[in-house]
C-alpha atoms as a PDB file:
ATOM      1  CA  MET A   1      21.985 -12.005  29.387  1.00  0.00           C
ATOM      2  CA  GLN A   2      20.481 -10.477  26.296  1.00  0.00           C
ATOM      3  CA  LYS A   3      20.203  -6.699  26.454  1.00  0.00           C
ATOM      4  CA  ASN A   4      16.625  -6.742  25.176  1.00  0.00           C
ATOM      5  CA  LYS A   5      15.310  -8.753  28.092  1.00  0.00           C
ATOM      6  CA  ILE A   6      13.001  -6.952  30.476  1.00  0.00           C
ATOM      7  CA  ARG A   7      14.684  -6.921  33.888  1.00  0.00           C
ATOM      8  CA  VAL A   8      12.044  -7.468  36.578  1.00  0.00           C
ATOM      9  CA  GLY A   9      11.987  -6.692  40.296  1.00  0.00           C
ATOM     10  CA  ILE A  10       9.192  -8.047  42.488  1.00  0.00           C
ATOM     11  CA  ILE A  11       7.858  -6.259  45.547  1.00  0.00           C
ATOM     12  CA  GLY A  12       6.115  -8.766  47.813  1.00  0.00           C
ATOM     13  CA  CYS A  13       7.131 -12.413  48.336  1.00  0.00           C
ATOM     14  CA  GLY A  14       3.806 -13.755  49.514  1.00  0.00           C
ATOM     15  CA  MET A  15       1.395 -16.315  48.088  1.00  0.00           C
ATOM     16  CA  ILE A  16       1.214 -14.881  44.533  1.00  0.00           C
ATOM     17  CA  PHE A  17       5.006 -14.475  44.298  1.00  0.00           C
ATOM     18  CA  ASP A  18       5.554 -17.975  42.889  1.00  0.00           C
ATOM     19  CA  ARG A  19       3.049 -17.369  40.099  1.00  0.00           C
ATOM     20  CA  HIS A  20       5.174 -14.441  38.890  1.00  0.00           C
ATOM     21  CA  ILE A  21       8.384 -16.456  39.199  1.00  0.00           C
ATOM     22  CA  GLU A  22       6.812 -19.250  37.057  1.00  0.00           C
ATOM     23  CA  ALA A  23       5.646 -16.667  34.525  1.00  0.00           C
ATOM     24  CA  ILE A  24       9.069 -15.079  34.284  1.00  0.00           C
ATOM     25  CA  ASN A  25      10.828 -18.429  33.936  1.00  0.00           C
ATOM     26  CA  SER A  26       8.394 -19.593  31.239  1.00  0.00           C
ATOM     27  CA  ASN A  27       9.096 -16.413  29.294  1.00  0.00           C
ATOM     28  CA  SER A  28      12.850 -16.371  29.772  1.00  0.00           C
ATOM     29  CA  ASP A  29      13.429 -15.126  26.261  1.00  0.00           C
ATOM     30  CA  HIS A  30      11.793 -11.832  27.233  1.00  0.00           C
ATOM     31  CA  PHE A  31      12.209 -11.506  31.043  1.00  0.00           C
ATOM     32  CA  VAL A  32      14.772 -12.026  33.785  1.00  0.00           C
ATOM     33  CA  LEU A  33      14.310 -11.599  37.547  1.00  0.00           C
ATOM     34  CA  VAL A  34      16.926  -9.175  38.945  1.00  0.00           C
ATOM     35  CA  SER A  35      15.726  -8.230  42.442  1.00  0.00           C
ATOM     36  CA  ILE A  36      13.102  -8.849  45.127  1.00  0.00           C
ATOM     37  CA  CYS A  37      11.715  -6.986  48.100  1.00  0.00           C
ATOM     38  CA  ASP A  38       9.681  -7.939  51.147  1.00  0.00           C
ATOM     39  CA  ILE A  39       9.429  -6.605  54.701  1.00  0.00           C
ATOM     40  CA  ASP A  40      10.082 -10.115  56.017  1.00  0.00           C
ATOM     41  CA  LYS A  41      13.899 -10.260  56.300  1.00  0.00           C
ATOM     42  CA  LYS A  42      14.137 -14.045  56.511  1.00  0.00           C
ATOM     43  CA  LYS A  43      11.877 -14.470  53.487  1.00  0.00           C
ATOM     44  CA  VAL A  44      13.953 -12.026  51.487  1.00  0.00           C
ATOM     45  CA  GLU A  45      17.211 -13.780  52.421  1.00  0.00           C
ATOM     46  CA  ILE A  46      15.877 -17.182  51.416  1.00  0.00           C
ATOM     47  CA  ARG A  47      14.382 -15.998  48.103  1.00  0.00           C
ATOM     48  CA  ALA A  48      17.369 -13.855  47.177  1.00  0.00           C
ATOM     49  CA  ARG A  49      19.784 -16.691  47.831  1.00  0.00           C
ATOM     50  CA  GLU A  50      17.538 -19.077  45.890  1.00  0.00           C
ATOM     51  CA  HIS A  51      17.564 -16.878  42.805  1.00  0.00           C
ATOM     52  CA  GLY A  52      21.030 -15.391  43.150  1.00  0.00           C
ATOM     53  CA  ILE A  53      19.851 -11.808  43.125  1.00  0.00           C
ATOM     54  CA  PRO A  54      19.852  -8.842  45.559  1.00  0.00           C
ATOM     55  CA  GLY A  55      17.089  -8.628  48.106  1.00  0.00           C
ATOM     56  CA  PHE A  56      15.667  -5.628  49.912  1.00  0.00           C
ATOM     57  CA  GLU A  57      13.383  -5.037  52.882  1.00  0.00           C
ATOM     58  CA  ASN A  58      12.440  -1.502  51.804  1.00  0.00           C
ATOM     59  CA  TYR A  59      10.932  -1.026  48.353  1.00  0.00           C
ATOM     60  CA  ARG A  60      12.199   2.546  47.996  1.00  0.00           C
ATOM     61  CA  GLU A  61      15.716   1.331  48.660  1.00  0.00           C
ATOM     62  CA  MET A  62      15.277  -1.281  45.909  1.00  0.00           C
ATOM     63  CA  LEU A  63      13.927   1.305  43.486  1.00  0.00           C
ATOM     64  CA  GLN A  64      16.934   3.535  44.177  1.00  0.00           C
ATOM     65  CA  ALA A  65      19.593   0.830  44.225  1.00  0.00           C
ATOM     66  CA  MET A  66      18.446  -0.861  40.988  1.00  0.00           C
ATOM     67  CA  LYS A  67      18.450   2.306  38.834  1.00  0.00           C
ATOM     68  CA  GLY A  68      19.824   1.365  35.428  1.00  0.00           C
ATOM     69  CA  LYS A  69      19.690  -2.358  36.333  1.00  0.00           C
ATOM     70  CA  MET A  70      15.915  -2.912  36.382  1.00  0.00           C
ATOM     71  CA  ASP A  71      13.158  -2.126  33.866  1.00  0.00           C
ATOM     72  CA  MET A  72       9.843  -3.266  35.384  1.00  0.00           C
ATOM     73  CA  VAL A  73       8.461  -3.683  38.880  1.00  0.00           C
ATOM     74  CA  SER A  74       5.823  -6.346  39.598  1.00  0.00           C
ATOM     75  CA  ILE A  75       3.782  -5.340  42.663  1.00  0.00           C
ATOM     76  CA  CYS A  76       2.577  -8.392  44.607  1.00  0.00           C
ATOM     77  CA  THR A  77       1.940  -6.974  48.039  1.00  0.00           C
ATOM     78  CA  PRO A  78      -1.270  -6.795  50.088  1.00  0.00           C
ATOM     79  CA  ASN A  79      -3.919  -4.802  48.287  1.00  0.00           C
ATOM     80  CA  SER A  80      -3.797  -1.408  50.036  1.00  0.00           C
ATOM     81  CA  PHE A  81      -0.095  -1.006  49.286  1.00  0.00           C
ATOM     82  CA  HIS A  82      -0.414  -1.256  45.515  1.00  0.00           C
ATOM     83  CA  PHE A  83      -1.101   2.430  44.834  1.00  0.00           C
ATOM     84  CA  LEU A  84       1.861   3.949  46.704  1.00  0.00           C
ATOM     85  CA  GLN A  85       4.310   1.337  45.479  1.00  0.00           C
ATOM     86  CA  ALA A  86       3.168   1.773  41.880  1.00  0.00           C
ATOM     87  CA  GLU A  87       3.301   5.560  42.222  1.00  0.00           C
ATOM     88  CA  ALA A  88       6.864   5.380  43.569  1.00  0.00           C
ATOM     89  CA  SER A  89       7.964   2.900  40.876  1.00  0.00           C
ATOM     90  CA  LEU A  90       6.652   5.130  38.077  1.00  0.00           C
ATOM     91  CA  ASN A  91       8.286   8.209  39.578  1.00  0.00           C
ATOM     92  CA  PHE A  92      11.588   6.329  39.741  1.00  0.00           C
ATOM     93  CA  GLY A  93      11.243   5.590  36.052  1.00  0.00           C
ATOM     94  CA  TYR A  94      10.121   1.982  35.993  1.00  0.00           C
ATOM     95  CA  ASP A  95       7.311   0.221  34.139  1.00  0.00           C
ATOM     96  CA  VAL A  96       4.886  -1.466  36.490  1.00  0.00           C
ATOM     97  CA  LEU A  97       2.741  -4.631  36.646  1.00  0.00           C
ATOM     98  CA  ILE A  98       0.220  -4.402  39.445  1.00  0.00           C
ATOM     99  CA  GLU A  99      -1.622  -7.352  40.977  1.00  0.00           C
ATOM    100  CA  LYS A 100      -5.360  -7.068  41.452  1.00  0.00           C
ATOM    101  CA  PRO A 101      -6.940  -4.918  42.715  1.00  0.00           C
ATOM    102  CA  VAL A 102      -4.876  -1.993  41.508  1.00  0.00           C
ATOM    103  CA  ASP A 103      -6.657   0.095  44.192  1.00  0.00           C
ATOM    104  CA  PHE A 104     -10.009   0.338  45.933  1.00  0.00           C
ATOM    105  CA  GLU A 105     -10.916   3.613  44.181  1.00  0.00           C
ATOM    106  CA  SER A 106     -11.224   4.116  40.391  1.00  0.00           C
ATOM    107  CA  LYS A 107     -10.088   7.733  40.657  1.00  0.00           C
ATOM    108  CA  ARG A 108      -6.724   6.569  42.097  1.00  0.00           C
ATOM    109  CA  VAL A 109      -6.307   4.095  39.250  1.00  0.00           C
ATOM    110  CA  LYS A 110      -6.832   7.013  36.850  1.00  0.00           C
ATOM    111  CA  LYS A 111      -4.081   8.911  38.695  1.00  0.00           C
ATOM    112  CA  LEU A 112      -1.648   6.065  38.081  1.00  0.00           C
ATOM    113  CA  VAL A 113      -2.633   5.923  34.407  1.00  0.00           C
ATOM    114  CA  ALA A 114      -1.937   9.644  34.085  1.00  0.00           C
ATOM    115  CA  LEU A 115       1.347   9.315  35.987  1.00  0.00           C
ATOM    116  CA  ALA A 116       2.545   6.557  33.657  1.00  0.00           C
ATOM    117  CA  GLU A 117       1.747   8.737  30.657  1.00  0.00           C
ATOM    118  CA  GLU A 118       3.565  11.710  32.237  1.00  0.00           C
ATOM    119  CA  ASN A 119       6.668   9.585  32.817  1.00  0.00           C
ATOM    120  CA  SER A 120       6.416   7.818  29.435  1.00  0.00           C
ATOM    121  CA  LYS A 121       6.278   4.458  31.212  1.00  0.00           C
ATOM    122  CA  LYS A 122       4.143   1.381  30.698  1.00  0.00           C
ATOM    123  CA  ALA A 123       1.637   0.342  33.394  1.00  0.00           C
ATOM    124  CA  TYR A 124      -0.065  -3.060  33.337  1.00  0.00           C
ATOM    125  CA  CYS A 125      -2.577  -4.809  35.547  1.00  0.00           C
ATOM    126  CA  VAL A 126      -3.172  -8.476  36.423  1.00  0.00           C
ATOM    127  CA  LEU A 127      -6.578  -9.337  35.003  1.00  0.00           C
ATOM    128  CA  GLN A 128      -5.425 -12.628  33.575  1.00  0.00           C
ATOM    129  CA  VAL A 129      -8.770 -14.470  33.548  1.00  0.00           C
ATOM    130  CA  ARG A 130      -9.327 -12.697  30.258  1.00  0.00           C
ATOM    131  CA  TYR A 131      -6.871 -15.197  28.824  1.00  0.00           C
ATOM    132  CA  ASN A 132      -8.996 -18.249  29.733  1.00  0.00           C
ATOM    133  CA  PRO A 133      -9.696 -19.999  26.419  1.00  0.00           C
ATOM    134  CA  THR A 134     -13.402 -20.208  27.344  1.00  0.00           C
ATOM    135  CA  VAL A 135     -13.557 -16.467  28.071  1.00  0.00           C
ATOM    136  CA  LYS A 136     -11.871 -15.644  24.772  1.00  0.00           C
ATOM    137  CA  LEU A 137     -14.361 -17.918  22.989  1.00  0.00           C
ATOM    138  CA  LEU A 138     -17.315 -16.293  24.725  1.00  0.00           C
ATOM    139  CA  LYS A 139     -16.110 -12.784  23.846  1.00  0.00           C
ATOM    140  CA  ILE A 140     -15.742 -13.711  20.150  1.00  0.00           C
ATOM    141  CA  ALA A 141     -19.251 -15.166  20.124  1.00  0.00           C
ATOM    142  CA  ILE A 142     -20.778 -12.050  21.773  1.00  0.00           C
ATOM    143  CA  ASP A 143     -18.794  -9.669  19.564  1.00  0.00           C
ATOM    144  CA  GLN A 144     -20.120 -11.573  16.524  1.00  0.00           C
ATOM    145  CA  GLY A 145     -23.711 -11.358  17.734  1.00  0.00           C
ATOM    146  CA  MET A 146     -24.210 -15.090  17.965  1.00  0.00           C
ATOM    147  CA  VAL A 147     -26.859 -14.960  20.719  1.00  0.00           C
ATOM    148  CA  GLY A 148     -28.712 -12.109  19.014  1.00  0.00           C
ATOM    149  CA  ASP A 149     -30.042  -9.291  21.212  1.00  0.00           C
ATOM    150  CA  ILE A 150     -28.825  -9.876  24.714  1.00  0.00           C
ATOM    151  CA  ARG A 151     -31.585 -10.163  27.276  1.00  0.00           C
ATOM    152  CA  SER A 152     -29.738 -11.081  30.456  1.00  0.00           C
ATOM    153  CA  VAL A 153     -26.293 -11.888  31.857  1.00  0.00           C
ATOM    154  CA  SER A 154     -25.815 -13.746  35.159  1.00  0.00           C
ATOM    155  CA  LEU A 155     -22.640 -14.405  37.123  1.00  0.00           C
ATOM    156  CA  VAL A 156     -22.587 -17.066  39.875  1.00  0.00           C
ATOM    157  CA  GLN A 157     -19.349 -17.465  41.875  1.00  0.00           C
ATOM    158  CA  ARG A 158     -19.744 -19.982  44.719  1.00  0.00           C
ATOM    159  CA  TRP A 159     -16.323 -20.417  46.227  1.00  0.00           C
ATOM    160  CA  GLN A 160     -14.929 -21.729  49.477  1.00  0.00           C
ATOM    161  CA  ARG A 161     -12.507 -19.872  51.683  1.00  0.00           C
ATOM    162  CA  PRO A 162     -11.410 -21.383  55.061  1.00  0.00           C
ATOM    163  CA  SER A 163     -11.368 -19.275  58.188  1.00  0.00           C
ATOM    164  CA  THR A 164      -7.518 -19.387  58.010  1.00  0.00           C
ATOM    165  CA  TYR A 165      -7.768 -17.293  54.805  1.00  0.00           C
ATOM    166  CA  PHE A 166      -8.363 -14.337  57.118  1.00  0.00           C
ATOM    167  CA  ASP A 167      -5.594 -15.081  59.589  1.00  0.00           C
ATOM    168  CA  SER A 168      -3.446 -12.209  58.374  1.00  0.00           C
ATOM    169  CA  TRP A 169      -4.018  -9.003  56.353  1.00  0.00           C
ATOM    170  CA  ARG A 170      -7.133 -10.151  54.533  1.00  0.00           C
ATOM    171  CA  ALA A 171      -9.244  -9.722  57.667  1.00  0.00           C
ATOM    172  CA  ASP A 172      -8.367  -6.044  57.785  1.00  0.00           C
ATOM    173  CA  ILE A 173     -10.783  -4.150  55.557  1.00  0.00           C
ATOM    174  CA  ASP A 174      -8.350  -1.244  55.223  1.00  0.00           C
ATOM    175  CA  ILE A 175      -5.644  -3.559  53.783  1.00  0.00           C
ATOM    176  CA  GLY A 176      -7.526  -6.288  51.935  1.00  0.00           C
ATOM    177  CA  GLY A 177     -10.652  -4.350  51.003  1.00  0.00           C
ATOM    178  CA  ARG A 178     -13.805  -6.417  50.822  1.00  0.00           C
ATOM    179  CA  THR A 179     -14.828  -9.643  49.134  1.00  0.00           C
ATOM    180  CA  LEU A 180     -15.313  -8.253  45.627  1.00  0.00           C
ATOM    181  CA  TYR A 181     -11.887  -6.596  45.616  1.00  0.00           C
ATOM    182  CA  GLU A 182     -10.156  -9.765  46.795  1.00  0.00           C
ATOM    183  CA  VAL A 183     -12.123 -12.635  45.294  1.00  0.00           C
ATOM    184  CA  GLY A 184     -14.819 -11.382  42.856  1.00  0.00           C
ATOM    185  CA  ILE A 185     -12.814  -8.871  40.839  1.00  0.00           C
ATOM    186  CA  HIS A 186     -11.617 -11.213  38.080  1.00  0.00           C
ATOM    187  CA  TYR A 187     -15.085 -12.311  37.160  1.00  0.00           C
ATOM    188  CA  LEU A 188     -16.708  -8.895  37.475  1.00  0.00           C
ATOM    189  CA  ASP A 189     -13.970  -7.784  35.107  1.00  0.00           C
ATOM    190  CA  ILE A 190     -15.060 -10.372  32.576  1.00  0.00           C
ATOM    191  CA  ILE A 191     -18.610  -9.011  32.643  1.00  0.00           C
ATOM    192  CA  GLN A 192     -17.588  -5.445  31.921  1.00  0.00           C
ATOM    193  CA  PHE A 193     -14.868  -6.615  29.489  1.00  0.00           C
ATOM    194  CA  ILE A 194     -17.371  -8.482  27.280  1.00  0.00           C
ATOM    195  CA  PHE A 195     -20.669  -6.656  27.896  1.00  0.00           C
ATOM    196  CA  GLY A 196     -19.660  -3.154  28.923  1.00  0.00           C
ATOM    197  CA  LEU A 197     -19.860  -1.472  32.319  1.00  0.00           C
ATOM    198  CA  PRO A 198     -23.264  -1.969  34.005  1.00  0.00           C
ATOM    199  CA  SER A 199     -24.902  -0.115  36.843  1.00  0.00           C
ATOM    200  CA  ALA A 200     -25.892  -1.884  40.032  1.00  0.00           C
ATOM    201  CA  LEU A 201     -29.536  -1.089  40.732  1.00  0.00           C
ATOM    202  CA  SER A 202     -29.558  -2.793  44.143  1.00  0.00           C
ATOM    203  CA  SER A 203     -27.284  -5.098  46.113  1.00  0.00           C
ATOM    204  CA  ALA A 204     -27.538  -7.036  49.325  1.00  0.00           C
ATOM    205  CA  THR A 205     -24.617  -8.302  51.402  1.00  0.00           C
ATOM    206  CA  PHE A 206     -24.527 -11.040  54.045  1.00  0.00           C
ATOM    207  CA  ASN A 207     -22.061 -12.630  56.387  1.00  0.00           C
ATOM    208  CA  ASN A 208     -23.076 -16.269  56.303  1.00  0.00           C
ATOM    209  CA  LYS A 209     -19.867 -17.988  57.375  1.00  0.00           C
ATOM    210  CA  HIS A 210     -16.946 -15.731  58.294  1.00  0.00           C
ATOM    211  CA  ARG A 211     -18.662 -13.954  61.180  1.00  0.00           C
ATOM    212  CA  HIS A 212     -15.389 -12.972  62.786  1.00  0.00           C
ATOM    213  CA  VAL A 213     -14.600 -10.760  59.764  1.00  0.00           C
ATOM    214  CA  LYS A 214     -16.090  -7.266  59.646  1.00  0.00           C
ATOM    215  CA  PHE A 215     -17.363  -7.433  56.077  1.00  0.00           C
ATOM    216  CA  GLU A 216     -19.541  -9.616  53.923  1.00  0.00           C
ATOM    217  CA  ASP A 217     -18.799 -13.053  52.550  1.00  0.00           C
ATOM    218  CA  THR A 218     -21.819 -13.102  50.229  1.00  0.00           C
ATOM    219  CA  ILE A 219     -23.146 -10.552  47.736  1.00  0.00           C
ATOM    220  CA  PHE A 220     -26.193 -10.469  45.442  1.00  0.00           C
ATOM    221  CA  SER A 221     -26.639  -7.673  42.964  1.00  0.00           C
ATOM    222  CA  ILE A 222     -29.154  -6.688  40.248  1.00  0.00           C
ATOM    223  CA  LEU A 223     -27.610  -5.001  37.192  1.00  0.00           C
ATOM    224  CA  LYS A 224     -28.697  -2.852  34.260  1.00  0.00           C
ATOM    225  CA  PHE A 225     -26.514  -2.448  31.154  1.00  0.00           C
ATOM    226  CA  ASN A 226     -26.361   0.526  28.864  1.00  0.00           C
ATOM    227  CA  ASP A 227     -28.007  -1.403  26.035  1.00  0.00           C
ATOM    228  CA  GLY A 228     -31.042  -1.971  28.298  1.00  0.00           C
ATOM    229  CA  PHE A 229     -30.636  -5.646  29.209  1.00  0.00           C
ATOM    230  CA  SER A 230     -30.527  -6.922  32.746  1.00  0.00           C
ATOM    231  CA  GLY A 231     -28.030  -8.876  34.769  1.00  0.00           C
ATOM    232  CA  SER A 232     -27.354 -10.437  38.126  1.00  0.00           C
ATOM    233  CA  VAL A 233     -24.369 -11.216  40.283  1.00  0.00           C
ATOM    234  CA  GLU A 234     -23.988 -13.757  43.116  1.00  0.00           C
ATOM    235  CA  VAL A 235     -20.560 -13.946  44.723  1.00  0.00           C
ATOM    236  CA  THR A 236     -19.899 -15.932  47.882  1.00  0.00           C
ATOM    237  CA  ILE A 237     -16.879 -17.411  49.710  1.00  0.00           C
ATOM    238  CA  ALA A 238     -19.151 -19.362  52.047  1.00  0.00           C
ATOM    239  CA  ALA A 239     -19.498 -22.493  49.935  1.00  0.00           C
ATOM    240  CA  GLU A 240     -18.474 -25.907  51.247  1.00  0.00           C
ATOM    241  CA  PRO A 241     -16.481 -28.072  51.019  1.00  0.00           C
ATOM    242  CA  CYS A 242     -14.609 -26.515  48.098  1.00  0.00           C
ATOM    243  CA  ASN A 243     -15.101 -24.122  45.178  1.00  0.00           C
ATOM    244  CA  LEU A 244     -18.395 -25.266  43.644  1.00  0.00           C
ATOM    245  CA  GLU A 245     -18.697 -23.109  40.545  1.00  0.00           C
ATOM    246  CA  CYS A 246     -17.933 -19.901  38.781  1.00  0.00           C
ATOM    247  CA  SER A 247     -20.281 -19.479  35.820  1.00  0.00           C
ATOM    248  CA  LEU A 248     -21.405 -16.817  33.449  1.00  0.00           C
ATOM    249  CA  SER A 249     -24.701 -17.273  31.565  1.00  0.00           C
ATOM    250  CA  VAL A 250     -25.865 -15.193  28.585  1.00  0.00           C
ATOM    251  CA  MET A 251     -29.413 -15.340  27.314  1.00  0.00           C
ATOM    252  CA  GLY A 252     -30.233 -13.736  23.962  1.00  0.00           C
ATOM    253  CA  SER A 253     -32.848 -13.653  21.237  1.00  0.00           C
ATOM    254  CA  GLU A 254     -30.953 -16.272  19.184  1.00  0.00           C
ATOM    255  CA  GLY A 255     -29.323 -18.426  21.781  1.00  0.00           C
ATOM    256  CA  TYR A 256     -27.884 -19.227  25.178  1.00  0.00           C
ATOM    257  CA  ILE A 257     -24.287 -19.730  26.337  1.00  0.00           C
ATOM    258  CA  LYS A 258     -23.151 -20.812  29.785  1.00  0.00           C
ATOM    259  CA  VAL A 259     -19.428 -20.838  30.609  1.00  0.00           C
ATOM    260  CA  GLY A 260     -18.721 -22.417  33.960  1.00  0.00           C
ATOM    261  CA  GLY A 261     -16.673 -25.007  35.787  1.00  0.00           C
ATOM    262  CA  ARG A 262     -14.925 -23.847  38.935  1.00  0.00           C
ATOM    263  CA  ALA A 263     -13.286 -20.794  37.432  1.00  0.00           C
ATOM    264  CA  LEU A 264     -14.878 -20.001  34.033  1.00  0.00           C
ATOM    265  CA  ASP A 265     -12.763 -22.802  32.679  1.00  0.00           C
ATOM    266  CA  LEU A 266     -15.394 -24.934  30.902  1.00  0.00           C
ATOM    267  CA  VAL A 267     -18.209 -24.456  28.363  1.00  0.00           C
ATOM    268  CA  GLU A 268     -21.183 -26.006  30.143  1.00  0.00           C
ATOM    269  CA  LYS A 269     -24.085 -25.422  27.762  1.00  0.00           C
ATOM    270  CA  THR A 270     -24.932 -23.849  24.434  1.00  0.00           C
ATOM    271  CA  LEU A 271     -28.247 -23.646  22.611  1.00  0.00           C
ATOM    272  CA  PHE A 272     -28.845 -21.744  19.348  1.00  0.00           C
ATOM    273  CA  SER A 273     -31.945 -21.001  17.290  1.00  0.00           C
ATOM    274  CA  ASN A 274     -30.622 -22.543  14.108  1.00  0.00           C
ATOM    275  CA  ARG A 275     -28.019 -24.931  12.712  1.00  0.00           C
ATOM    276  CA  ILE A 276     -25.953 -22.180  11.114  1.00  0.00           C
ATOM    277  CA  LEU A 277     -25.224 -20.641  14.529  1.00  0.00           C
ATOM    278  CA  GLU A 278     -24.525 -24.059  15.981  1.00  0.00           C
ATOM    279  CA  GLU A 279     -21.966 -24.821  13.288  1.00  0.00           C
ATOM    280  CA  LYS A 280     -20.396 -21.383  13.698  1.00  0.00           C
ATOM    281  CA  TRP A 281     -20.005 -22.002  17.418  1.00  0.00           C
ATOM    282  CA  ASN A 282     -18.574 -25.481  16.904  1.00  0.00           C
ATOM    283  CA  ASN A 283     -15.994 -24.091  14.469  1.00  0.00           C
ATOM    284  CA  LEU A 284     -14.973 -21.391  16.947  1.00  0.00           C
ATOM    285  CA  ALA A 285     -14.834 -23.873  19.827  1.00  0.00           C
ATOM    286  CA  SER A 286     -12.635 -26.252  17.828  1.00  0.00           C
ATOM    287  CA  GLU A 287     -10.043 -23.505  17.422  1.00  0.00           C
ATOM    288  CA  SER A 288      -9.975 -22.462  21.104  1.00  0.00           C
ATOM    289  CA  GLY A 289      -7.311 -23.709  23.480  1.00  0.00           C
ATOM    290  CA  GLU A 290      -7.704 -26.442  26.092  1.00  0.00           C
ATOM    291  CA  SER A 291      -9.287 -25.670  29.412  1.00  0.00           C
ATOM    292  CA  LEU A 292      -6.969 -24.923  32.325  1.00  0.00           C
ATOM    293  CA  GLU A 293      -6.974 -26.403  35.844  1.00  0.00           C
ATOM    294  CA  PRO A 294      -7.479 -23.617  38.435  1.00  0.00           C
ATOM    295  CA  ASN A 295      -4.597 -22.692  40.689  1.00  0.00           C
ATOM    296  CA  SER A 296      -4.302 -24.491  44.009  1.00  0.00           C
ATOM    297  CA  TYR A 297      -3.106 -22.714  47.153  1.00  0.00           C
ATOM    298  CA  GLY A 298      -3.259 -25.654  49.540  1.00  0.00           C
ATOM    299  CA  THR A 299      -6.286 -24.734  51.633  1.00  0.00           C
ATOM    300  CA  HIS A 300      -8.225 -23.271  48.710  1.00  0.00           C
ATOM    301  CA  SER A 301      -8.131 -22.860  44.921  1.00  0.00           C
ATOM    302  CA  GLY A 302      -8.422 -19.784  42.715  1.00  0.00           C
ATOM    303  CA  SER A 303      -8.435 -18.619  39.137  1.00  0.00           C
ATOM    304  CA  CYS A 304      -6.769 -20.365  36.212  1.00  0.00           C
ATOM    305  CA  PRO A 305      -2.968 -20.173  35.800  1.00  0.00           C
ATOM    306  CA  ASN A 306      -2.617 -17.482  33.155  1.00  0.00           C
ATOM    307  CA  HIS A 307       0.304 -15.487  34.555  1.00  0.00           C
ATOM    308  CA  PRO A 308       2.680 -16.945  31.938  1.00  0.00           C
ATOM    309  CA  THR A 309       0.370 -15.675  29.208  1.00  0.00           C
ATOM    310  CA  LEU A 310       0.049 -12.330  30.972  1.00  0.00           C
ATOM    311  CA  TYR A 311       3.854 -11.875  30.911  1.00  0.00           C
ATOM    312  CA  ARG A 312       4.134 -13.196  27.349  1.00  0.00           C
ATOM    313  CA  GLU A 313       1.672 -10.533  26.175  1.00  0.00           C
ATOM    314  CA  ILE A 314       3.638  -7.818  27.988  1.00  0.00           C
ATOM    315  CA  GLY A 315       6.834  -9.062  26.316  1.00  0.00           C
ATOM    316  CA  MET A 316       5.100  -8.843  22.952  1.00  0.00           C
ATOM    317  CA  GLY A 317       3.874  -5.285  23.670  1.00  0.00           C
ATOM    318  CA  THR A 318       0.229  -6.337  23.991  1.00  0.00           C
ATOM    319  CA  GLY A 319      -0.242  -6.577  27.802  1.00  0.00           C
ATOM    320  CA  ILE A 320      -3.405  -5.541  29.619  1.00  0.00           C
ATOM    321  CA  GLU A 321      -2.799  -1.847  30.235  1.00  0.00           C
ATOM    322  CA  LEU A 322      -3.662  -0.218  33.526  1.00  0.00           C
ATOM    323  CA  SER A 323      -6.493   1.826  31.970  1.00  0.00           C
ATOM    324  CA  GLU A 324      -8.318  -1.524  31.529  1.00  0.00           C
ATOM    325  CA  ALA A 325      -8.664  -1.811  35.321  1.00  0.00           C
ATOM    326  CA  ILE A 326     -10.648   1.415  35.723  1.00  0.00           C
ATOM    327  CA  ASN A 327     -14.058   0.022  34.819  1.00  0.00           C
ATOM    328  CA  SER A 328     -13.526  -3.103  36.905  1.00  0.00           C
ATOM    329  CA  ILE A 329     -13.078  -0.956  39.970  1.00  0.00           C
ATOM    330  CA  LYS A 330     -15.998   1.292  38.949  1.00  0.00           C
ATOM    331  CA  PHE A 331     -18.144  -1.812  38.747  1.00  0.00           C
ATOM    332  CA  ILE A 332     -17.258  -2.861  42.313  1.00  0.00           C
ATOM    333  CA  GLU A 333     -17.833   0.738  43.501  1.00  0.00           C
ATOM    334  CA  SER A 334     -21.298   0.657  41.921  1.00  0.00           C
ATOM    335  CA  ILE A 335     -22.212  -2.566  43.688  1.00  0.00           C
ATOM    336  CA  TYR A 336     -21.118  -1.404  47.117  1.00  0.00           C
ATOM    337  CA  GLU A 337     -22.792   1.968  46.614  1.00  0.00           C
ATOM    338  CA  SER A 338     -26.092   0.216  46.038  1.00  0.00           C
ATOM    339  CA  GLU A 339     -25.606  -2.077  49.049  1.00  0.00           C
ATOM    340  CA  THR A 340     -28.122  -2.956  51.698  1.00  0.00           C
ATOM    341  CA  LYS A 341     -26.543  -4.878  54.568  1.00  0.00           C
ATOM    342  CA  GLN A 342     -28.565  -7.783  55.993  1.00  0.00           C
END
């Protein structure tokens, strides 16, 4: 094993675990898996044997035992555990990569950012939808002012989640959080990433399908951005029979762009006020990467498979740092603070 490889330990061997394994394996020049941890003893034994590495049932025991033999901890546990596990990992002297959401409160994300700085460690977050070729293309177009003065931005996420999705920890609001933390966060992040952090003027939440769960499955929100333009958000996990769309539309004084598909993976429509802008867009689009098929988890599908890119960027020293997650959580906080339950 090369000494310059980043030695990774993973806490949590659930659904997202395999995405991290795939990402590590596809970046084997930069990363190597050296340990895993999960509270499920049988799962740990199977996974540890499969990869030929030590396995632990207690994450603090792993952090202690792997001192000097591990560089970074990837935290892939249920949402409410992220903060304490990241805090402990940083205090033990490890870099961290934290699955979304980092936490339910932006002030606690700030604490982790400060802790990483105090310990001279790197802290990264999983906001990998930013690596969608279509999202990168849209950001370039907006940064270059191709739609002129922005007048409105609209996000529509109409996804399906079966009732079995809530069979375990996701049904517990204290562990999973609510719908925006678990399902909407990636696409709300894209809004604030490209257009800046908006304020939610008013929001309404509904429970249209998953009535056995004690929080909403559908959210509508009206937004105002610092530059004065308006926006709207519709997020639901009550669609049938599958994920129908996840689209982001931008209307400006010089044009219109709609990125959509099932997971912001396709450019659906563009209109510009003149041929120069059209040609500029076509040139940019010709240089962007191919669209990606969204991840499948058997009973449902999710975002596009960008974890390999996420790890590659970390290996190159250009990963999405934890401070980037603060405004995404602030955005969710703003929506829920403006909420009227129906």
